[in-house]
């Protein structure tokens, strides 16, 4: 019985750390404002979109886009101008490329 409880608690803890994001329609709904840059070297964070929620990372750039805001750890809004953004991101093609380039902004996703 203790083992089952420990597994449930551990699973819940892991669930909270996943980078599940939801893209909101309005800026005032967002926890973090995002701007997508054209070149990798301009980004604070290199993001890889995973296909399944269990593949989402622990603040390491592996994002799963949820269908509902209530499922997400962070609500994001994509802004039109770089100067409006809290974090600049670049979408990468491979999971191994994901990660922070500017770790000073990492706190925004905890």
N, C-alpha and C. Protein backbone atom coordinates (compact mmCIF):
# COMPACT_ATOMS: atom_id res chain seq x y z
N UNK A 1 0.82 -1.19 0.00
CA UNK A 1 0.00 0.00 0.00
C UNK A 1 0.87 1.26 0.00
N UNK A 2 1.93 1.26 0.79
CA UNK A 2 2.83 2.41 0.84
C UNK A 2 3.48 2.64 -0.53
N UNK A 3 3.81 1.55 -1.20
CA UNK A 3 4.43 1.64 -2.52
C UNK A 3 3.49 2.31 -3.52
N UNK A 4 2.23 1.94 -3.47
CA UNK A 4 1.24 2.53 -4.38
C UNK A 4 1.09 4.02 -4.12
N UNK A 5 1.03 4.39 -2.87
CA UNK A 5 0.90 5.81 -2.52
C UNK A 5 2.13 6.59 -2.98
N UNK A 6 3.32 6.03 -2.77
CA UNK A 6 4.55 6.69 -3.22
C UNK A 6 4.56 6.85 -4.74
N UNK A 7 4.12 5.84 -5.46
CA UNK A 7 4.08 5.94 -6.92
C UNK A 7 3.11 7.01 -7.39
N UNK A 8 1.96 7.10 -6.73
CA UNK A 8 0.98 8.13 -7.08
C UNK A 8 1.53 9.53 -6.81
N UNK A 9 2.16 9.72 -5.68
CA UNK A 9 2.75 11.01 -5.33
C UNK A 9 3.86 11.37 -6.31
N UNK A 10 4.71 10.40 -6.63
CA UNK A 10 5.80 10.64 -7.58
C UNK A 10 5.26 10.98 -8.96
N UNK A 11 4.24 10.29 -9.39
CA UNK A 11 3.64 10.56 -10.69
C UNK A 11 3.02 11.95 -10.74
N UNK A 12 2.36 12.34 -9.66
CA UNK A 12 1.76 13.67 -9.60
C UNK A 12 2.84 14.74 -9.65
N UNK A 13 3.94 14.54 -8.96
CA UNK A 13 5.05 15.48 -8.96
C UNK A 13 5.66 15.64 -10.33
N UNK A 14 5.80 14.56 -11.05
CA UNK A 14 6.34 14.61 -12.40
C UNK A 14 5.37 15.36 -13.31
N UNK A 15 4.11 15.12 -13.15
CA UNK A 15 3.09 15.79 -13.96
C UNK A 15 3.18 17.31 -13.81
N UNK A 16 3.45 17.79 -12.62
CA UNK A 16 3.52 19.22 -12.39
C UNK A 16 4.71 19.87 -13.07
N UNK A 17 5.77 19.12 -13.30
CA UNK A 17 6.99 19.67 -13.88
C UNK A 17 6.98 19.71 -15.40
N UNK A 18 6.07 19.03 -16.02
CA UNK A 18 6.05 18.96 -17.49
C UNK A 18 5.76 20.33 -18.09
N UNK A 19 6.36 20.60 -19.23
CA UNK A 19 6.14 21.86 -19.92
C UNK A 19 4.97 21.72 -20.88
N UNK A 20 3.81 21.75 -20.30
CA UNK A 20 2.59 21.72 -21.07
C UNK A 20 2.12 23.16 -21.19
N UNK A 21 1.93 23.61 -22.42
CA UNK A 21 1.57 24.99 -22.66
C UNK A 21 0.27 25.08 -23.43
N UNK A 22 -0.40 26.19 -23.25
CA UNK A 22 -1.63 26.47 -23.99
C UNK A 22 -1.51 27.87 -24.56
N UNK A 23 -1.79 28.00 -25.84
CA UNK A 23 -1.72 29.29 -26.51
C UNK A 23 -3.07 30.00 -26.38
N UNK A 24 -3.08 31.10 -25.62
CA UNK A 24 -4.31 31.85 -25.38
C UNK A 24 -4.57 32.87 -26.48
N UNK A 25 -5.80 33.36 -26.55
CA UNK A 25 -6.20 34.30 -27.60
C UNK A 25 -5.86 35.75 -27.28
N UNK A 26 -5.79 36.07 -26.00
CA UNK A 26 -5.58 37.46 -25.60
C UNK A 26 -4.39 37.58 -24.65
N UNK A 27 -3.65 38.66 -24.81
CA UNK A 27 -2.42 38.85 -24.05
C UNK A 27 -2.66 38.86 -22.53
N UNK A 28 -3.79 39.41 -22.09
CA UNK A 28 -4.04 39.49 -20.64
C UNK A 28 -4.29 38.12 -20.01
N UNK A 29 -4.53 37.08 -20.82
CA UNK A 29 -4.74 35.73 -20.30
C UNK A 29 -3.43 34.98 -20.11
N UNK A 30 -2.35 35.50 -20.62
CA UNK A 30 -1.07 34.78 -20.67
C UNK A 30 -0.24 34.92 -19.40
N UNK A 31 0.48 33.84 -19.09
CA UNK A 31 1.50 33.88 -18.05
C UNK A 31 2.82 34.41 -18.62
N UNK A 32 3.06 34.06 -19.89
CA UNK A 32 4.32 34.43 -20.55
C UNK A 32 4.01 34.87 -21.98
N UNK A 33 4.63 35.99 -22.39
CA UNK A 33 4.49 36.47 -23.76
C UNK A 33 5.69 35.97 -24.58
N UNK A 34 5.38 35.40 -25.74
CA UNK A 34 6.38 34.73 -26.57
C UNK A 34 6.50 35.41 -27.92
N UNK A 35 7.74 35.50 -28.40
CA UNK A 35 7.99 35.96 -29.77
C UNK A 35 8.82 34.90 -30.47
N UNK A 36 8.42 34.52 -31.67
CA UNK A 36 9.15 33.52 -32.44
C UNK A 36 10.13 34.23 -33.36
N UNK A 37 11.42 33.96 -33.16
CA UNK A 37 12.47 34.60 -33.96
C UNK A 37 12.75 33.78 -35.22
N UNK A 38 13.41 34.40 -36.18
CA UNK A 38 13.71 33.74 -37.46
C UNK A 38 14.97 32.88 -37.39
N UNK A 39 15.88 33.24 -36.51
CA UNK A 39 17.16 32.55 -36.46
C UNK A 39 17.45 32.04 -35.05
N UNK A 40 18.05 30.88 -35.00
CA UNK A 40 18.32 30.19 -33.73
C UNK A 40 19.14 31.04 -32.76
N UNK A 41 20.13 31.75 -33.26
CA UNK A 41 21.02 32.52 -32.38
C UNK A 41 20.32 33.70 -31.71
N UNK A 42 19.12 34.07 -32.18
CA UNK A 42 18.37 35.17 -31.59
C UNK A 42 17.50 34.73 -30.40
N UNK A 43 17.35 33.45 -30.22
CA UNK A 43 16.40 32.91 -29.25
C UNK A 43 16.95 32.83 -27.84
N UNK A 44 16.04 32.98 -26.87
CA UNK A 44 16.35 32.68 -25.47
C UNK A 44 16.18 31.18 -25.23
N UNK A 45 15.20 30.60 -25.93
CA UNK A 45 14.85 29.19 -25.75
C UNK A 45 14.60 28.54 -27.10
N UNK A 46 15.23 27.38 -27.30
CA UNK A 46 14.96 26.57 -28.49
C UNK A 46 13.92 25.53 -28.11
N UNK A 47 12.80 25.52 -28.83
CA UNK A 47 11.64 24.69 -28.48
C UNK A 47 11.45 23.57 -29.49
N UNK A 48 11.20 22.39 -28.95
CA UNK A 48 10.81 21.24 -29.77
C UNK A 48 9.41 20.84 -29.36
N UNK A 49 8.49 20.78 -30.33
CA UNK A 49 7.11 20.40 -30.04
C UNK A 49 7.01 18.87 -30.03
N UNK A 50 6.64 18.32 -28.88
CA UNK A 50 6.47 16.87 -28.76
C UNK A 50 5.04 16.50 -29.13
N UNK A 51 4.85 15.23 -29.51
CA UNK A 51 3.53 14.77 -29.97
C UNK A 51 2.60 14.36 -28.84
N UNK A 52 3.18 13.91 -27.72
CA UNK A 52 2.37 13.39 -26.62
C UNK A 52 2.73 14.09 -25.32
N UNK A 53 1.76 14.25 -24.44
CA UNK A 53 1.99 15.00 -23.20
C UNK A 53 3.05 14.37 -22.30
N UNK A 54 3.18 13.06 -22.31
CA UNK A 54 4.18 12.41 -21.45
C UNK A 54 5.61 12.64 -21.94
N UNK A 55 5.78 13.18 -23.15
CA UNK A 55 7.10 13.48 -23.68
C UNK A 55 7.58 14.88 -23.31
N UNK A 56 6.70 15.68 -22.75
CA UNK A 56 7.05 17.05 -22.41
C UNK A 56 8.17 17.07 -21.38
N UNK A 57 9.02 18.06 -21.51
CA UNK A 57 10.20 18.14 -20.65
C UNK A 57 9.98 18.93 -19.38
N UNK A 58 11.04 18.97 -18.59
CA UNK A 58 11.04 19.69 -17.32
C UNK A 58 11.77 21.02 -17.51
N UNK A 59 11.10 21.98 -18.12
CA UNK A 59 11.66 23.31 -18.39
C UNK A 59 12.94 23.22 -19.23
N UNK A 60 12.91 22.35 -20.22
CA UNK A 60 14.08 22.17 -21.08
C UNK A 60 13.78 22.39 -22.56
N UNK A 61 12.65 23.00 -22.86
CA UNK A 61 12.34 23.33 -24.24
C UNK A 61 11.51 22.30 -24.97
N UNK A 62 11.12 21.23 -24.32
CA UNK A 62 10.26 20.23 -24.95
C UNK A 62 8.83 20.54 -24.52
N UNK A 63 8.06 21.07 -25.45
CA UNK A 63 6.72 21.55 -25.15
C UNK A 63 5.65 20.66 -25.75
N UNK A 64 4.57 20.52 -24.99
CA UNK A 64 3.37 19.88 -25.49
C UNK A 64 2.26 20.92 -25.44
N UNK A 65 1.62 21.17 -26.58
CA UNK A 65 0.53 22.14 -26.64
C UNK A 65 -0.77 21.43 -26.29
N UNK A 66 -1.38 21.84 -25.20
CA UNK A 66 -2.62 21.21 -24.73
C UNK A 66 -3.83 21.77 -25.48
N UNK A 67 -4.92 21.03 -25.40
CA UNK A 67 -6.16 21.46 -26.05
C UNK A 67 -6.95 22.44 -25.19
N UNK A 68 -6.69 22.41 -23.89
CA UNK A 68 -7.44 23.26 -22.95
C UNK A 68 -6.48 23.96 -22.00
N UNK A 69 -6.80 25.18 -21.63
CA UNK A 69 -5.97 25.97 -20.72
C UNK A 69 -5.78 25.28 -19.38
N UNK A 70 -6.81 24.60 -18.90
CA UNK A 70 -6.74 23.94 -17.59
C UNK A 70 -5.74 22.78 -17.55
N UNK A 71 -5.35 22.27 -18.70
CA UNK A 71 -4.38 21.17 -18.77
C UNK A 71 -2.93 21.67 -18.77
N UNK A 72 -2.74 22.94 -19.00
CA UNK A 72 -1.40 23.50 -19.18
C UNK A 72 -0.79 23.98 -17.89
N UNK A 73 0.53 23.92 -17.85
CA UNK A 73 1.25 24.52 -16.73
C UNK A 73 1.42 26.02 -16.96
N UNK A 74 1.63 26.39 -18.21
CA UNK A 74 1.79 27.80 -18.56
C UNK A 74 0.91 28.16 -19.74
N UNK A 75 0.30 29.34 -19.63
CA UNK A 75 -0.48 29.88 -20.75
C UNK A 75 0.41 30.91 -21.45
N UNK A 76 0.53 30.76 -22.76
CA UNK A 76 1.41 31.65 -23.51
C UNK A 76 0.61 32.42 -24.55
N UNK A 77 1.17 33.56 -24.92
CA UNK A 77 0.58 34.39 -25.97
C UNK A 77 1.69 34.77 -26.93
N UNK A 78 1.48 34.55 -28.22
CA UNK A 78 2.47 34.91 -29.23
C UNK A 78 2.26 36.36 -29.65
N UNK A 79 3.24 37.19 -29.34
CA UNK A 79 3.16 38.62 -29.65
C UNK A 79 3.69 38.89 -31.05
N UNK A 80 3.35 40.06 -31.58
CA UNK A 80 3.74 40.42 -32.94
C UNK A 80 5.12 41.06 -33.02
N UNK A 81 5.59 41.60 -31.91
CA UNK A 81 6.86 42.32 -31.93
C UNK A 81 7.80 41.80 -30.84
N UNK A 82 9.05 41.73 -31.17
CA UNK A 82 10.07 41.22 -30.25
C UNK A 82 10.11 42.01 -28.94
N UNK A 83 9.92 43.31 -29.02
CA UNK A 83 9.99 44.17 -27.83
C UNK A 83 8.86 43.90 -26.84
N UNK A 84 7.79 43.24 -27.27
CA UNK A 84 6.66 42.91 -26.39
C UNK A 84 6.86 41.61 -25.63
N UNK A 85 7.85 40.84 -26.00
CA UNK A 85 8.01 39.47 -25.50
C UNK A 85 8.77 39.39 -24.18
N UNK A 86 8.36 38.40 -23.38
CA UNK A 86 9.14 38.02 -22.20
C UNK A 86 10.25 37.07 -22.61
N UNK A 87 9.94 36.19 -23.56
CA UNK A 87 10.88 35.16 -24.02
C UNK A 87 10.82 35.06 -25.53
N UNK A 88 12.01 34.99 -26.15
CA UNK A 88 12.10 34.78 -27.59
C UNK A 88 12.41 33.30 -27.82
N UNK A 89 11.64 32.66 -28.71
CA UNK A 89 11.85 31.24 -28.96
C UNK A 89 12.13 30.98 -30.43
N UNK A 90 12.73 29.82 -30.66
CA UNK A 90 12.98 29.33 -32.01
C UNK A 90 12.58 27.86 -32.02
N UNK A 91 11.72 27.47 -32.95
CA UNK A 91 11.29 26.08 -33.04
C UNK A 91 12.34 25.27 -33.79
N UNK A 92 12.81 24.18 -33.16
CA UNK A 92 13.83 23.31 -33.75
C UNK A 92 13.20 22.04 -34.30
N UNK A 93 13.92 21.38 -35.17
CA UNK A 93 13.41 20.18 -35.83
C UNK A 93 13.69 18.89 -35.07
N UNK A 94 14.65 18.94 -34.16
CA UNK A 94 15.04 17.72 -33.46
C UNK A 94 15.01 17.93 -31.95
N UNK A 95 14.57 16.91 -31.25
CA UNK A 95 14.45 16.96 -29.79
C UNK A 95 15.77 17.31 -29.11
N UNK A 96 16.86 16.79 -29.63
CA UNK A 96 18.19 17.01 -29.03
C UNK A 96 18.64 18.47 -29.12
N UNK A 97 18.02 19.27 -29.96
CA UNK A 97 18.39 20.68 -30.11
C UNK A 97 17.69 21.58 -29.10
N UNK A 98 16.67 21.09 -28.45
CA UNK A 98 15.88 21.91 -27.52
C UNK A 98 16.69 22.30 -26.30
N UNK A 99 16.41 23.49 -25.79
CA UNK A 99 17.06 23.92 -24.56
C UNK A 99 17.22 25.43 -24.47
N UNK A 100 17.64 25.87 -23.30
CA UNK A 100 17.80 27.30 -23.03
C UNK A 100 19.12 27.81 -23.58
N UNK A 101 19.07 28.96 -24.20
CA UNK A 101 20.27 29.68 -24.61
C UNK A 101 20.52 30.83 -23.63
N UNK A 102 19.46 31.35 -23.03
CA UNK A 102 19.54 32.42 -22.04
C UNK A 102 18.85 31.93 -20.77
N UNK A 103 19.61 31.30 -19.90
CA UNK A 103 19.02 30.67 -18.71
C UNK A 103 18.51 31.69 -17.69
N UNK A 104 18.80 32.96 -17.87
CA UNK A 104 18.30 34.00 -16.96
C UNK A 104 16.77 34.11 -17.04
N UNK A 105 16.18 33.68 -18.13
CA UNK A 105 14.73 33.76 -18.29
C UNK A 105 14.04 32.44 -17.97
N UNK A 106 14.79 31.47 -17.54
CA UNK A 106 14.26 30.14 -17.22
C UNK A 106 13.19 30.19 -16.14
N UNK A 107 13.31 31.09 -15.21
CA UNK A 107 12.37 31.20 -14.09
C UNK A 107 10.92 31.44 -14.56
N UNK A 108 10.74 32.01 -15.74
CA UNK A 108 9.41 32.31 -16.24
C UNK A 108 8.56 31.06 -16.48
N UNK A 109 9.20 29.90 -16.58
CA UNK A 109 8.47 28.67 -16.85
C UNK A 109 8.42 27.72 -15.66
N UNK A 110 8.75 28.24 -14.47
CA UNK A 110 8.59 27.42 -13.26
C UNK A 110 7.28 27.72 -12.61
